[in-house]
Protein backbone atom coordinates (compact mmCIF):
# COMPACT_ATOMS: atom_id res chain seq x y z
CA MET A 1 -19.33 91.80 -39.41
CA LEU A 2 -17.29 89.28 -41.40
CA ARG A 3 -14.64 89.19 -38.71
CA GLN A 4 -17.25 88.66 -36.00
CA THR A 5 -18.74 85.78 -37.99
CA LEU A 6 -15.33 84.15 -38.39
CA VAL A 7 -14.69 84.47 -34.65
CA VAL A 8 -18.03 82.83 -33.87
CA LEU A 9 -17.34 79.98 -36.30
CA ALA A 10 -13.89 79.48 -34.83
CA LEU A 11 -15.40 79.39 -31.35
CA VAL A 12 -17.91 76.73 -32.37
CA ALA A 13 -15.15 74.66 -33.97
CA CYS A 14 -13.03 75.00 -30.85
CA VAL A 15 -15.82 73.85 -28.55
CA LEU A 16 -17.01 70.95 -30.68
CA GLY A 17 -13.50 69.74 -31.41
CA SER A 18 -11.78 70.48 -28.13
CA ARG A 19 -12.46 67.07 -26.60
CA LEU A 20 -10.51 65.00 -29.11
CA PRO A 21 -6.82 65.75 -28.53
CA VAL A 22 -4.52 63.08 -29.90
CA ARG A 23 -1.58 61.82 -27.94
CA ARG A 24 0.80 60.58 -30.61
CA LEU A 25 2.08 57.03 -30.78
CA PRO A 26 4.83 56.06 -33.17
CA TYR A 27 3.15 55.78 -36.56
CA THR A 28 2.53 52.15 -37.54
CA GLY A 29 1.04 52.69 -40.96
CA THR A 30 -2.52 52.24 -39.68
CA SER A 31 -3.43 55.24 -37.52
CA TRP A 32 -2.42 57.61 -34.77
CA ARG A 33 -4.21 55.99 -31.93
CA PHE A 34 -4.14 57.65 -28.57
CA SER A 35 -6.66 60.16 -27.30
CA VAL A 36 -8.73 61.34 -24.41
CA SER A 37 -12.02 59.48 -24.55
CA ARG A 38 -14.94 61.63 -25.62
CA GLY A 39 -17.12 59.05 -27.27
CA ARG A 40 -19.30 56.04 -26.75
CA ILE A 41 -19.25 52.39 -25.86
CA TYR A 42 -17.95 49.92 -28.41
CA GLY A 43 -19.38 46.41 -28.13
CA GLY A 44 -22.27 47.38 -25.87
CA HIS A 45 -26.05 46.98 -25.97
CA ASP A 46 -29.15 48.94 -24.98
CA ALA A 47 -29.66 49.40 -21.26
CA THR A 48 -33.14 49.02 -19.83
CA ARG A 49 -34.92 52.12 -18.56
CA GLY A 50 -33.99 52.75 -14.92
CA GLN A 51 -31.11 50.23 -14.98
CA PHE A 52 -28.53 52.91 -14.11
CA PRO A 53 -30.31 55.54 -12.00
CA TYR A 54 -26.98 57.13 -11.03
CA GLN A 55 -26.07 57.91 -14.65
CA VAL A 56 -26.40 61.47 -15.96
CA SER A 57 -25.95 63.13 -19.32
CA LEU A 58 -23.94 66.34 -19.03
CA GLN A 59 -25.25 68.52 -21.84
CA LEU A 60 -23.26 71.54 -22.92
CA VAL A 61 -24.91 74.72 -24.21
CA VAL A 62 -22.79 76.91 -26.48
CA LEU A 63 -24.11 79.71 -28.70
CA GLY A 64 -27.63 78.37 -28.38
CA MET A 65 -26.64 74.82 -29.35
CA ARG A 66 -27.04 71.99 -26.84
CA PHE A 67 -25.50 68.54 -27.02
CA HIS A 68 -24.49 65.58 -24.86
CA ASN A 69 -20.84 66.21 -24.04
CA CYS A 70 -19.94 63.93 -21.12
CA GLY A 71 -21.32 61.34 -18.77
CA GLY A 72 -21.39 61.62 -15.01
CA SER A 73 -22.52 59.92 -11.82
CA ILE A 74 -24.80 61.19 -9.06
CA ILE A 75 -22.81 61.18 -5.79
CA SER A 76 -25.23 63.36 -3.82
CA ASN A 77 -28.52 65.03 -4.63
CA SER A 78 -26.59 68.16 -5.62
CA ALA A 79 -23.26 66.84 -6.96
CA ILE A 80 -22.14 64.95 -10.07
CA LEU A 81 -18.78 63.20 -10.43
CA THR A 82 -17.22 63.41 -13.88
CA ALA A 83 -13.84 63.77 -15.61
CA GLY A 84 -11.61 66.82 -15.21
CA HIS A 85 -11.28 67.16 -18.97
CA CYS A 86 -15.06 67.68 -19.18
CA PHE A 87 -14.56 71.16 -17.69
CA ASP A 88 -15.74 73.89 -20.05
CA ASP A 89 -15.53 77.64 -19.52
CA ILE A 90 -17.03 78.72 -22.85
CA GLY A 91 -20.58 77.40 -22.50
CA TYR A 92 -22.56 76.06 -19.56
CA TYR A 93 -23.84 72.63 -18.58
CA PHE A 94 -27.16 71.04 -17.71
CA ALA A 95 -27.09 67.75 -15.83
CA VAL A 96 -29.90 65.50 -17.04
CA ALA A 97 -30.73 62.67 -14.63
CA GLY A 98 -33.28 59.90 -15.03
CA ASP A 99 -32.82 59.81 -18.80
CA HIS A 100 -32.72 56.73 -21.02
CA ASP A 101 -33.56 57.86 -24.54
CA LEU A 102 -32.02 61.25 -25.33
CA SER A 103 -34.35 61.70 -28.30
CA SER A 104 -37.63 61.56 -26.39
CA VAL A 105 -39.30 62.76 -23.19
CA GLU A 106 -40.06 59.74 -21.01
CA GLY A 107 -41.28 61.58 -17.91
CA SER A 108 -38.51 60.50 -15.56
CA GLU A 109 -35.95 63.14 -16.57
CA GLN A 110 -34.71 65.85 -14.21
CA GLU A 111 -32.74 68.68 -15.76
CA ILE A 112 -30.73 71.04 -13.54
CA ARG A 113 -28.12 73.60 -14.50
CA VAL A 114 -24.56 73.06 -13.23
CA SER A 115 -23.51 75.92 -10.97
CA GLU A 116 -19.82 75.09 -10.46
CA GLN A 117 -17.22 72.85 -12.11
CA ILE A 118 -14.55 71.88 -9.57
CA VAL A 119 -11.56 70.12 -11.16
CA HIS A 120 -8.97 68.21 -9.14
CA PRO A 121 -6.01 70.54 -8.42
CA ASP A 122 -3.48 68.02 -9.76
CA TYR A 123 -5.09 67.88 -13.20
CA PRO A 124 -3.17 70.10 -15.66
CA GLY A 125 -6.31 71.21 -17.47
CA GLY A 126 -7.51 71.21 -21.04
CA VAL A 127 -7.90 67.65 -22.24
CA ALA A 128 -4.59 66.32 -20.99
CA VAL A 129 -4.07 62.57 -20.62
CA ALA A 130 -2.91 62.79 -17.02
CA ALA A 131 -3.54 61.82 -13.41
CA GLY A 132 -6.21 63.71 -11.46
CA ASP A 133 -8.69 63.60 -14.34
CA ILE A 134 -11.71 63.97 -12.07
CA ALA A 135 -14.15 66.76 -11.20
CA VAL A 136 -17.19 67.50 -9.05
CA PHE A 137 -19.96 69.43 -10.77
CA THR A 138 -22.36 71.02 -8.29
CA LEU A 139 -25.99 71.78 -9.19
CA GLU A 140 -28.05 74.94 -8.80
CA SER A 141 -30.79 72.98 -7.03
CA PRO A 142 -30.99 69.43 -5.65
CA LEU A 143 -32.23 66.41 -7.55
CA THR A 144 -35.31 64.59 -6.28
CA LEU A 145 -34.27 61.00 -5.62
CA ASN A 146 -36.66 58.29 -6.84
CA ASP A 147 -36.64 54.99 -8.75
CA TYR A 148 -34.99 56.62 -11.77
CA VAL A 149 -32.62 59.01 -9.99
CA GLN A 150 -30.32 57.59 -7.32
CA VAL A 151 -26.99 58.27 -5.64
CA ILE A 152 -24.26 55.68 -6.27
CA THR A 153 -22.11 54.50 -3.35
CA LEU A 154 -18.45 55.52 -3.28
CA PRO A 155 -15.76 52.88 -2.59
CA SER A 156 -13.53 52.64 0.46
CA ALA A 157 -10.45 54.86 0.43
CA GLY A 158 -7.50 53.22 -1.27
CA SER A 159 -9.40 50.12 -2.35
CA ILE A 160 -8.08 48.48 -5.54
CA PRO A 161 -10.48 46.68 -7.89
CA ALA A 162 -9.30 43.10 -8.28
CA GLY A 163 -7.79 42.06 -11.59
CA GLY A 164 -10.09 39.68 -13.43
CA SER A 165 -13.22 40.89 -11.65
CA VAL A 166 -16.28 42.06 -13.59
CA ALA A 167 -17.48 45.67 -13.69
CA VAL A 168 -20.17 47.47 -15.69
CA LEU A 169 -19.78 50.47 -17.99
CA SER A 170 -22.62 52.70 -19.18
CA GLY A 171 -22.92 55.72 -21.44
CA TRP A 172 -24.41 57.29 -24.54
CA GLY A 173 -22.12 57.25 -27.49
CA GLU A 174 -20.48 56.29 -30.71
CA THR A 175 -20.62 52.61 -31.56
CA GLU A 176 -18.78 50.33 -33.98
CA THR A 177 -20.80 51.84 -36.84
CA ALA A 178 -19.76 55.37 -35.82
CA THR A 179 -23.34 56.17 -34.82
CA THR A 180 -24.33 57.91 -31.61
CA PRO A 181 -27.34 56.06 -30.25
CA ASN A 182 -29.91 57.93 -28.22
CA ILE A 183 -30.53 54.89 -26.00
CA LEU A 184 -28.16 54.48 -23.04
CA GLN A 185 -25.62 51.75 -23.77
CA THR A 186 -23.98 49.30 -21.37
CA VAL A 187 -21.46 46.48 -21.39
CA ASP A 188 -19.79 44.22 -18.83
CA VAL A 189 -16.02 44.62 -18.74
CA SER A 190 -13.14 42.90 -16.94
CA VAL A 191 -10.77 44.75 -14.62
CA ILE A 192 -7.08 44.54 -15.57
CA ASP A 193 -4.48 44.83 -12.80
CA TYR A 194 -2.03 47.74 -12.95
CA GLU A 195 1.10 45.82 -14.02
CA THR A 196 -0.71 43.96 -16.80
CA CYS A 197 -2.29 47.20 -18.04
CA LYS A 198 1.06 48.99 -18.01
CA GLN A 199 2.66 46.17 -19.99
CA ASN A 200 -0.12 46.21 -22.58
CA LEU A 201 0.29 49.95 -23.05
CA ASP A 202 4.07 49.57 -23.27
CA ASP A 203 3.55 46.95 -25.96
CA LEU A 204 1.84 49.63 -28.07
CA ASN A 205 5.25 51.35 -28.26
CA MET A 206 4.24 54.60 -26.64
CA ASP A 207 7.11 56.99 -26.06
CA ASP A 208 5.65 58.09 -22.74
CA ASN A 209 3.21 55.76 -21.00
CA PRO A 210 0.87 58.03 -18.94
CA LEU A 211 -0.58 55.24 -16.76
CA THR A 212 -0.38 55.82 -13.00
CA ASP A 213 -1.51 53.77 -10.02
CA THR A 214 -4.39 56.24 -9.48
CA MET A 215 -6.01 54.84 -12.62
CA VAL A 216 -7.84 51.57 -13.29
CA CYS A 217 -7.99 49.65 -16.56
CA THR A 218 -10.51 47.34 -18.18
CA GLY A 219 -10.69 44.91 -21.08
CA PRO A 220 -11.40 42.54 -22.69
CA LEU A 221 -8.45 43.47 -24.87
CA TYR A 222 -9.28 41.58 -28.04
CA ASP A 223 -13.07 41.54 -28.28
CA GLY A 224 -13.70 45.05 -29.63
CA ILE A 225 -15.14 46.29 -26.32
CA SER A 226 -13.99 49.69 -25.05
CA VAL A 227 -14.87 53.23 -24.13
CA CYS A 228 -14.80 55.66 -27.01
CA SER A 229 -15.10 59.42 -27.60
CA GLY A 230 -18.39 60.82 -25.40
CA ASP A 231 -18.21 58.29 -22.62
CA SER A 232 -15.84 60.68 -20.81
CA GLY A 233 -16.68 61.20 -17.16
CA GLY A 234 -19.12 58.29 -17.14
CA PRO A 235 -19.30 55.57 -14.51
CA LEU A 236 -17.48 52.28 -14.13
CA ALA A 237 -19.37 50.44 -11.38
CA GLN A 238 -18.84 47.23 -9.48
CA ASN A 239 -21.10 45.68 -6.85
CA GLY A 240 -23.09 48.89 -6.59
CA GLU A 241 -20.02 51.10 -6.07
CA LEU A 242 -18.49 53.71 -8.37
CA ILE A 243 -14.93 52.49 -8.92
CA GLY A 244 -13.91 54.51 -11.98
CA VAL A 245 -14.55 57.63 -14.06
CA VAL A 246 -13.97 57.27 -17.81
CA SER A 247 -10.74 59.12 -18.61
CA TRP A 248 -8.89 57.98 -21.74
CA GLY A 249 -8.39 55.25 -24.26
CA VAL A 250 -6.79 54.27 -27.52
CA ASP A 251 -7.90 55.50 -30.92
CA PRO A 252 -9.37 53.71 -32.85
CA CYS A 253 -11.77 52.43 -30.22
CA GLY A 254 -11.62 48.70 -29.61
CA TYR A 255 -8.03 48.51 -30.89
CA PRO A 256 -6.62 45.00 -30.24
CA GLY A 257 -4.56 44.85 -27.04
CA ALA A 258 -5.56 48.33 -25.88
CA PRO A 259 -7.25 48.79 -22.47
CA SER A 260 -9.81 51.42 -21.50
CA VAL A 261 -8.52 53.65 -18.68
CA TYR A 262 -10.44 55.33 -15.85
CA THR A 263 -9.61 57.62 -12.96
CA ARG A 264 -9.74 55.42 -9.84
CA VAL A 265 -12.36 56.93 -7.51
CA SER A 266 -10.92 55.38 -4.33
CA ALA A 267 -7.72 57.38 -4.85
CA HIS A 268 -9.56 60.72 -4.79
CA LEU A 269 -12.04 60.50 -1.93
CA ASP A 270 -10.54 63.42 0.00
CA PHE A 271 -11.07 65.70 -3.00
CA ILE A 272 -14.59 64.37 -3.57
CA ASN A 273 -15.70 64.68 0.06
CA GLN A 274 -14.30 68.22 0.31
CA ASN A 275 -16.40 69.33 -2.65
CA ILE A 276 -19.74 67.51 -2.33
């Protein structure tokens, strides 16, 4: 019995802690600061109810416990786009659409179990900081589209978000005070072009810069605005199109000079269309 209890406790610890791998930077005397993003928006504010009808909360159920684990975007009435590192084979997911306040029932929520988690074949698995960090989660039954639940448009194949342009990020998650607000958060961010993003990451003295041209970066770099652990898989949108899926960032969140990094949706349309 004792051994079984220890196994269960280890399993819980593995599940709850599995989304915070640290990719080591040279130690600077302040912190190790590179990790897959599993958190919340730094520098954001409350969204209004119905402002992001394409946003979903992917809620993981493990050993009877249920918690918000990742964000996602509705790309058809039966498919959610999220990050590859959100894949989980220990528990099971519910996709909750039409939600705004996770702590209360507002009447607009639709909750459907995820039937299949399809990860991009190029993604190495686990919680690797790597290209191909994208997945399609299919649902057991279709969502009913309405004012609070809507499909977001996908971008044109190969399109590159312009550096300096404005995009919008949304998600539930940890803020500057290390709290996890129940109200959906949002913030406007600025797109950073690939070369500038690569240079900023190089300036952080990483031994192995994982940035590829299938990713997209955002700032601002010095205003304490970033993704953080729990935003994973959530949407980066621009002009009504889904241009990015939250993938990884620098730890601590909002670190000066550090961009937020997303999987670029326009680079993966073949995979998405094959699996909707």
